[in-house]
Each structure stands twice: as structure tokens, then as C-alpha cells.
Amino acid sequence: ARKAAGSLAQALGGELKQAMTAGGPEAAIGVCKERAPKIAADVSQKTGMQVTRVSPKNRHPNAVPDAWETQAQADLEKRLAGEKPGTLDTWQVVDTPNGKVFRYAKALPVGAICLNCHGENLTDGVKAKLASDYPNDKATGYSAGMLRGLISIKHPL
């Protein structure tokens, strides 16, 4: 699960950096909208695990955390005070009506570059692109070091 989460973070991060260099934050928003779900689907297919990104302040309407993910993020936010944000993760085996499921969550900390699209002081271009691509966006107002959300993994046992 850690390797799968790392694969998603690395692939998405690389594409975001390329987009930022080539076209600025507005181009990066397009990467998150178009490429992030495809990258997650690719990692899911390769690993046999369901790999997604979720956030209580979601940008994409399908990125709403479930009860387990909500609790996992709350627990990781408590640990944030004493641990490095990049190392924060948690897991649990959960009983479901369909059997046991392995659940894993890796924290997505807000880095300086993330503030271009998720921070408090967005450019007019970013605001316009977000309004166009994500009319119900809740994913702004962050500061560096906060937890933006989770990489969430589910795997039936």
C-alpha cells in the first residue's frame, strides 16, 4: 500500500511540476482534473488495490472521504504536531458486509507549490480556472504544512 501510494504521489507530482513549468498553475489544475484520476486508475490496475485521493475540502465531487477516511485524516492531523508530514500514514483491517478489507491512508501535506492552487491568495487566472473546472470547489484556504487530504487505499482480503 505504501508503494502504491508512493507511485501515485510520484507520478502525479511529476506531471504537476511539468505543467507548472510549462504553463503555470492554470495548467496544473488541468493535470489534476484530467490526469490524476487516470494515474490513480493505472496504479489501481497495476496493484490490484483501489487507490484514490480524498479530502474533506474536496475539489472533485467524487473525492469525498467516507467515515473511515474522515477518522484517518483526523488521527493523522493530530499526529502532525510531532511527526514529519511526509511520513504520516495509517492502516486498519475493517470488517464489512462483504468481508474484511485492508484500509490504508497516506497524508497529503500541503507544500509551498500547492499554495498556487490550494492557498489563500490565488491569482485571478487560477480563480477563473477553478470556477470553470470545479464550480463547487472547497479545496482552497490552506497554509503550508496542513493536510490537504489523503491517498486512500482499499484492498479486500
C-alpha atoms as a PDB file:
ATOM      1  CA  ALA A   1       0.000   0.000   0.000  1.00  0.00           C
ATOM      2  CA  ARG A   2       2.857   2.379   0.787  1.00  0.00           C
ATOM      3  CA  LYS A   3       4.448   1.603  -2.561  1.00  0.00           C
ATOM      4  CA  ALA A   4       1.131   2.156  -4.388  1.00  0.00           C
ATOM      5  CA  ALA A   5       0.560   5.471  -2.597  1.00  0.00           C
ATOM      6  CA  GLY A   6       4.115   6.490  -3.409  1.00  0.00           C
ATOM      7  CA  SER A   7       3.619   5.597  -7.075  1.00  0.00           C
ATOM      8  CA  LEU A   8       0.534   7.797  -7.281  1.00  0.00           C
ATOM      9  CA  ALA A   9       2.205  10.692  -5.471  1.00  0.00           C
ATOM     10  CA  GLN A  10       5.375  10.447  -7.576  1.00  0.00           C
ATOM     11  CA  ALA A  11       3.608  10.203 -10.940  1.00  0.00           C
ATOM     12  CA  LEU A  12       1.142  12.977 -10.176  1.00  0.00           C
ATOM     13  CA  GLY A  13       3.817  15.188  -8.641  1.00  0.00           C
ATOM     14  CA  GLY A  14       5.998  14.814 -11.706  1.00  0.00           C
ATOM     15  CA  GLU A  15       3.205  15.757 -14.084  1.00  0.00           C
ATOM     16  CA  LEU A  16       2.185  18.697 -11.895  1.00  0.00           C
ATOM     17  CA  LYS A  17       5.752  20.047 -11.859  1.00  0.00           C
ATOM     18  CA  GLN A  18       5.980  19.741 -15.644  1.00  0.00           C
ATOM     19  CA  ALA A  19       2.642  21.538 -16.073  1.00  0.00           C
ATOM     20  CA  MET A  20       3.664  24.294 -13.652  1.00  0.00           C
ATOM     21  CA  THR A  21       6.897  24.840 -15.561  1.00  0.00           C
ATOM     22  CA  ALA A  22       5.204  24.792 -18.970  1.00  0.00           C
ATOM     23  CA  GLY A  23       2.013  26.717 -18.246  1.00  0.00           C
ATOM     24  CA  GLY A  24       1.830  27.798 -14.627  1.00  0.00           C
ATOM     25  CA  PRO A  25      -0.819  26.966 -12.037  1.00  0.00           C
ATOM     26  CA  GLU A  26      -3.691  27.057 -14.527  1.00  0.00           C
ATOM     27  CA  ALA A  27      -2.064  24.203 -16.464  1.00  0.00           C
ATOM     28  CA  ALA A  28      -1.536  22.261 -13.231  1.00  0.00           C
ATOM     29  CA  ILE A  29      -5.265  22.445 -12.494  1.00  0.00           C
ATOM     30  CA  GLY A  30      -5.856  20.643 -15.779  1.00  0.00           C
ATOM     31  CA  VAL A  31      -3.438  17.898 -14.741  1.00  0.00           C
ATOM     32  CA  CYS A  32      -5.339  17.327 -11.514  1.00  0.00           C
ATOM     33  CA  LYS A  33      -8.652  17.270 -13.334  1.00  0.00           C
ATOM     34  CA  GLU A  34      -7.684  15.084 -16.292  1.00  0.00           C
ATOM     35  CA  ARG A  35      -4.599  13.100 -15.342  1.00  0.00           C
ATOM     36  CA  ALA A  36      -4.931  12.434 -11.603  1.00  0.00           C
ATOM     37  CA  PRO A  37      -7.935  10.076 -11.949  1.00  0.00           C
ATOM     38  CA  LYS A  38      -6.175   8.234 -14.788  1.00  0.00           C
ATOM     39  CA  ILE A  39      -2.961   7.905 -12.795  1.00  0.00           C
ATOM     40  CA  ALA A  40      -4.933   6.555  -9.803  1.00  0.00           C
ATOM     41  CA  ALA A  41      -6.752   4.088 -12.083  1.00  0.00           C
ATOM     42  CA  ASP A  42      -3.429   2.953 -13.558  1.00  0.00           C
ATOM     43  CA  VAL A  43      -1.895   2.399 -10.104  1.00  0.00           C
ATOM     44  CA  SER A  44      -5.073   0.582  -9.043  1.00  0.00           C
ATOM     45  CA  GLN A  45      -4.901  -1.717 -12.065  1.00  0.00           C
ATOM     46  CA  LYS A  46      -1.204  -2.467 -11.571  1.00  0.00           C
ATOM     47  CA  THR A  47      -1.533  -3.190  -7.840  1.00  0.00           C
ATOM     48  CA  GLY A  48      -4.987  -4.759  -7.599  1.00  0.00           C
ATOM     49  CA  MET A  49      -5.879  -2.193  -4.917  1.00  0.00           C
ATOM     50  CA  GLN A  50      -8.408   0.629  -5.123  1.00  0.00           C
ATOM     51  CA  VAL A  51      -6.275   3.798  -4.994  1.00  0.00           C
ATOM     52  CA  THR A  52      -7.915   7.229  -4.729  1.00  0.00           C
ATOM     53  CA  ARG A  53      -7.377  10.731  -3.346  1.00  0.00           C
ATOM     54  CA  VAL A  54      -9.941  12.185  -0.934  1.00  0.00           C
ATOM     55  CA  SER A  55     -10.315  15.361   1.090  1.00  0.00           C
ATOM     56  CA  PRO A  56     -12.876  16.847   3.470  1.00  0.00           C
ATOM     57  CA  LYS A  57     -12.386  20.041   1.446  1.00  0.00           C
ATOM     58  CA  ASN A  58     -12.743  18.275  -1.876  1.00  0.00           C
ATOM     59  CA  ARG A  59     -12.299  19.773  -5.281  1.00  0.00           C
ATOM     60  CA  HIS A  60     -13.680  16.868  -7.294  1.00  0.00           C
ATOM     61  CA  PRO A  61     -17.212  15.755  -6.342  1.00  0.00           C
ATOM     62  CA  ASN A  62     -16.122  12.089  -6.171  1.00  0.00           C
ATOM     63  CA  ALA A  63     -13.304  12.819  -3.716  1.00  0.00           C
ATOM     64  CA  VAL A  64     -15.438  12.940  -0.575  1.00  0.00           C
ATOM     65  CA  PRO A  65     -13.973  10.835   2.255  1.00  0.00           C
ATOM     66  CA  ASP A  66     -16.006   8.028   3.786  1.00  0.00           C
ATOM     67  CA  ALA A  67     -16.281   7.563   7.563  1.00  0.00           C
ATOM     68  CA  TRP A  68     -13.035   5.571   7.831  1.00  0.00           C
ATOM     69  CA  GLU A  69     -11.101   8.116   5.762  1.00  0.00           C
ATOM     70  CA  THR A  70     -12.541  11.005   7.772  1.00  0.00           C
ATOM     71  CA  GLN A  71     -11.346   9.404  11.011  1.00  0.00           C
ATOM     72  CA  ALA A  72      -7.976   8.535   9.475  1.00  0.00           C
ATOM     73  CA  GLN A  73      -7.405  12.157   8.443  1.00  0.00           C
ATOM     74  CA  ALA A  74      -8.407  13.420  11.895  1.00  0.00           C
ATOM     75  CA  ASP A  75      -5.955  10.976  13.500  1.00  0.00           C
ATOM     76  CA  LEU A  76      -3.150  11.967  11.117  1.00  0.00           C
ATOM     77  CA  GLU A  77      -3.794  15.673  11.755  1.00  0.00           C
ATOM     78  CA  LYS A  78      -3.323  15.036  15.495  1.00  0.00           C
ATOM     79  CA  ARG A  79      -0.001  13.318  14.757  1.00  0.00           C
ATOM     80  CA  LEU A  80       1.106  16.197  12.531  1.00  0.00           C
ATOM     81  CA  ALA A  81       2.375  18.178  15.528  1.00  0.00           C
ATOM     82  CA  GLY A  82       5.059  15.620  16.368  1.00  0.00           C
ATOM     83  CA  GLU A  83       5.828  13.843  13.095  1.00  0.00           C
ATOM     84  CA  LYS A  84       7.068  14.775   9.643  1.00  0.00           C
ATOM     85  CA  PRO A  85       4.078  15.334   7.340  1.00  0.00           C
ATOM     86  CA  GLY A  86       5.537  13.204   4.550  1.00  0.00           C
ATOM     87  CA  THR A  87       5.750  10.136   6.788  1.00  0.00           C
ATOM     88  CA  LEU A  88       2.188  10.228   8.127  1.00  0.00           C
ATOM     89  CA  ASP A  89       0.149   7.151   7.305  1.00  0.00           C
ATOM     90  CA  THR A  90      -2.179   4.684   8.983  1.00  0.00           C
ATOM     91  CA  TRP A  91      -3.865   1.382   8.230  1.00  0.00           C
ATOM     92  CA  GLN A  92      -6.503  -0.965   9.580  1.00  0.00           C
ATOM     93  CA  VAL A  93      -8.299  -4.184   8.668  1.00  0.00           C
ATOM     94  CA  VAL A  94     -12.018  -3.404   8.649  1.00  0.00           C
ATOM     95  CA  ASP A  95     -14.975  -5.789   8.756  1.00  0.00           C
ATOM     96  CA  THR A  96     -17.537  -5.011   6.055  1.00  0.00           C
ATOM     97  CA  PRO A  97     -20.713  -6.794   4.913  1.00  0.00           C
ATOM     98  CA  ASN A  98     -18.617  -8.230   2.061  1.00  0.00           C
ATOM     99  CA  GLY A  99     -15.760  -9.430   4.277  1.00  0.00           C
ATOM    100  CA  LYS A 100     -12.528  -7.995   5.629  1.00  0.00           C
ATOM    101  CA  VAL A 101     -10.940  -5.054   3.816  1.00  0.00           C
ATOM    102  CA  PHE A 102      -7.450  -3.648   4.297  1.00  0.00           C
ATOM    103  CA  ARG A 103      -7.635   0.176   4.543  1.00  0.00           C
ATOM    104  CA  TYR A 104      -4.627   2.444   4.213  1.00  0.00           C
ATOM    105  CA  ALA A 105      -4.320   6.224   4.271  1.00  0.00           C
ATOM    106  CA  LYS A 106      -1.281   8.365   3.433  1.00  0.00           C
ATOM    107  CA  ALA A 107      -1.387  12.033   4.347  1.00  0.00           C
ATOM    108  CA  LEU A 108      -1.156  14.606   1.559  1.00  0.00           C
ATOM    109  CA  PRO A 109       0.620  17.568   3.142  1.00  0.00           C
ATOM    110  CA  VAL A 110       0.391  20.999   1.554  1.00  0.00           C
ATOM    111  CA  GLY A 111       3.755  22.068   0.172  1.00  0.00           C
ATOM    112  CA  ALA A 112       4.714  25.549  -0.972  1.00  0.00           C
ATOM    113  CA  ILE A 113       3.939  24.754  -4.617  1.00  0.00           C
ATOM    114  CA  CYS A 114       0.444  23.531  -3.649  1.00  0.00           C
ATOM    115  CA  LEU A 115      -0.451  27.012  -2.418  1.00  0.00           C
ATOM    116  CA  ASN A 116      -0.655  28.237  -6.022  1.00  0.00           C
ATOM    117  CA  CYS A 117      -3.975  26.390  -6.387  1.00  0.00           C
ATOM    118  CA  HIS A 118      -4.939  25.488  -2.800  1.00  0.00           C
ATOM    119  CA  GLY A 119      -3.764  28.506  -0.799  1.00  0.00           C
ATOM    120  CA  GLU A 120      -5.471  31.651   0.414  1.00  0.00           C
ATOM    121  CA  ASN A 121      -4.085  34.164  -2.102  1.00  0.00           C
ATOM    122  CA  LEU A 122      -4.901  32.822  -5.557  1.00  0.00           C
ATOM    123  CA  THR A 123      -4.294  34.718  -8.781  1.00  0.00           C
ATOM    124  CA  ASP A 124      -7.257  35.825 -10.858  1.00  0.00           C
ATOM    125  CA  GLY A 125      -6.282  33.272 -13.517  1.00  0.00           C
ATOM    126  CA  VAL A 126      -6.342  30.415 -11.008  1.00  0.00           C
ATOM    127  CA  LYS A 127      -9.655  31.610  -9.563  1.00  0.00           C
ATOM    128  CA  ALA A 128     -11.171  31.706 -13.055  1.00  0.00           C
ATOM    129  CA  LYS A 129      -9.847  28.234 -13.970  1.00  0.00           C
ATOM    130  CA  LEU A 130     -11.140  26.754 -10.703  1.00  0.00           C
ATOM    131  CA  ALA A 131     -14.553  28.385 -11.191  1.00  0.00           C
ATOM    132  CA  SER A 132     -14.697  26.917 -14.688  1.00  0.00           C
ATOM    133  CA  ASP A 133     -13.381  23.417 -13.940  1.00  0.00           C
ATOM    134  CA  TYR A 134     -14.652  22.997 -10.369  1.00  0.00           C
ATOM    135  CA  PRO A 135     -17.708  25.189  -9.739  1.00  0.00           C
ATOM    136  CA  ASN A 136     -18.263  23.595  -6.293  1.00  0.00           C
ATOM    137  CA  ASP A 137     -14.604  23.718  -5.234  1.00  0.00           C
ATOM    138  CA  LYS A 138     -13.870  23.605  -1.493  1.00  0.00           C
ATOM    139  CA  ALA A 139     -10.119  22.957  -1.743  1.00  0.00           C
ATOM    140  CA  THR A 140      -8.655  26.402  -1.051  1.00  0.00           C
ATOM    141  CA  GLY A 141      -7.591  28.338   2.024  1.00  0.00           C
ATOM    142  CA  TYR A 142      -4.736  26.034   3.015  1.00  0.00           C
ATOM    143  CA  SER A 143      -1.385  27.009   4.512  1.00  0.00           C
ATOM    144  CA  ALA A 144       1.901  25.166   4.006  1.00  0.00           C
ATOM    145  CA  GLY A 145       2.184  22.128   6.247  1.00  0.00           C
ATOM    146  CA  MET A 146      -1.542  21.486   6.620  1.00  0.00           C
ATOM    147  CA  LEU A 147      -3.015  18.180   5.460  1.00  0.00           C
ATOM    148  CA  ARG A 148      -4.864  18.664   2.196  1.00  0.00           C
ATOM    149  CA  GLY A 149      -6.314  15.144   2.210  1.00  0.00           C
ATOM    150  CA  LEU A 150      -5.324  11.520   1.830  1.00  0.00           C
ATOM    151  CA  ILE A 151      -4.251   8.931  -0.626  1.00  0.00           C
ATOM    152  CA  SER A 152      -6.698   6.206   0.314  1.00  0.00           C
ATOM    153  CA  ILE A 153      -6.289   2.529  -0.499  1.00  0.00           C
ATOM    154  CA  LYS A 154      -8.772  -0.314  -0.140  1.00  0.00           C
ATOM    155  CA  HIS A 155      -7.983  -3.971  -0.731  1.00  0.00           C
ATOM    156  CA  PRO A 156     -10.383  -6.844   0.011  1.00  0.00           C
ATOM    157  CA  LEU A 157      -8.743  -9.651   1.964  1.00  0.00           C
END
